[in-house]
Protein backbone atom coordinates (compact mmCIF):
# COMPACT_ATOMS: atom_id res chain seq x y z
CA MET A 1 145.34 41.33 211.41
CA HIS A 2 148.60 43.04 210.59
CA HIS A 3 150.47 41.56 212.82
CA ARG A 4 149.11 38.25 211.93
CA VAL A 5 149.76 38.72 208.03
CA MET A 6 153.59 39.87 208.99
CA ASN A 7 154.15 36.84 211.30
CA ARG A 8 152.44 34.45 208.90
CA PHE A 9 154.20 34.74 205.78
CA GLN A 10 157.79 35.85 207.71
CA LEU A 11 157.22 39.64 205.93
CA SER A 12 159.49 42.22 206.48
CA ALA A 13 157.69 45.74 207.68
CA ARG A 14 158.81 47.12 203.70
CA THR A 15 157.23 43.80 202.22
CA TYR A 16 154.48 43.93 203.91
CA HIS A 17 153.97 47.79 203.24
CA ARG A 18 154.57 46.90 199.24
CA ILE A 19 151.62 44.20 199.67
CA LEU A 20 149.26 46.77 201.08
CA LYS A 21 150.33 49.05 198.29
CA LEU A 22 149.47 46.57 195.59
CA SER A 23 146.02 45.27 197.74
CA ARG A 24 144.93 48.89 197.73
CA THR A 25 145.63 49.43 193.64
CA ILE A 26 143.93 45.75 193.27
CA ALA A 27 140.62 46.92 195.36
CA ASP A 28 141.23 50.42 193.22
CA LEU A 29 140.55 48.60 189.95
CA LYS A 30 137.57 46.50 191.23
CA GLY A 31 136.40 49.81 192.54
CA LYS A 32 136.00 49.26 196.16
CA LYS A 33 136.26 52.50 199.03
CA ASP A 34 138.30 49.58 201.61
CA ILE A 35 140.34 46.87 200.95
CA ASP A 36 139.40 43.71 201.83
CA VAL A 37 140.85 40.23 202.36
CA SER A 38 140.91 38.78 198.98
CA ASP A 39 142.51 41.96 197.55
CA ILE A 40 145.58 41.07 200.29
CA SER A 41 145.10 37.28 199.61
CA LEU A 42 145.45 38.15 195.71
CA ALA A 43 148.45 40.35 196.29
CA ILE A 44 150.25 37.85 198.16
CA LYS A 45 149.73 35.58 195.64
CA MET A 46 150.82 37.57 193.02
CA ARG A 47 154.10 38.39 195.56
CA ASN A 48 154.64 34.62 195.45
CA LEU A 49 154.24 34.06 191.80
CA ASP A 50 156.35 37.15 191.30
CA LYS A 51 159.31 35.33 193.79
CA ALA A 52 159.03 32.07 192.01
CA LEU A 53 160.00 32.79 188.52
């Protein structure tokens, strides 16, 4: 899964790591033990929103 996300969104390793950290925070705020696809998706959306500003 990691390589698919990196390739699809053309992410560097550093950017991907930041998205994973944000995904972990999102999952923590939801009270979840594990990160799932919805957490990663939200992190990517937040990254894209930040880039647009």
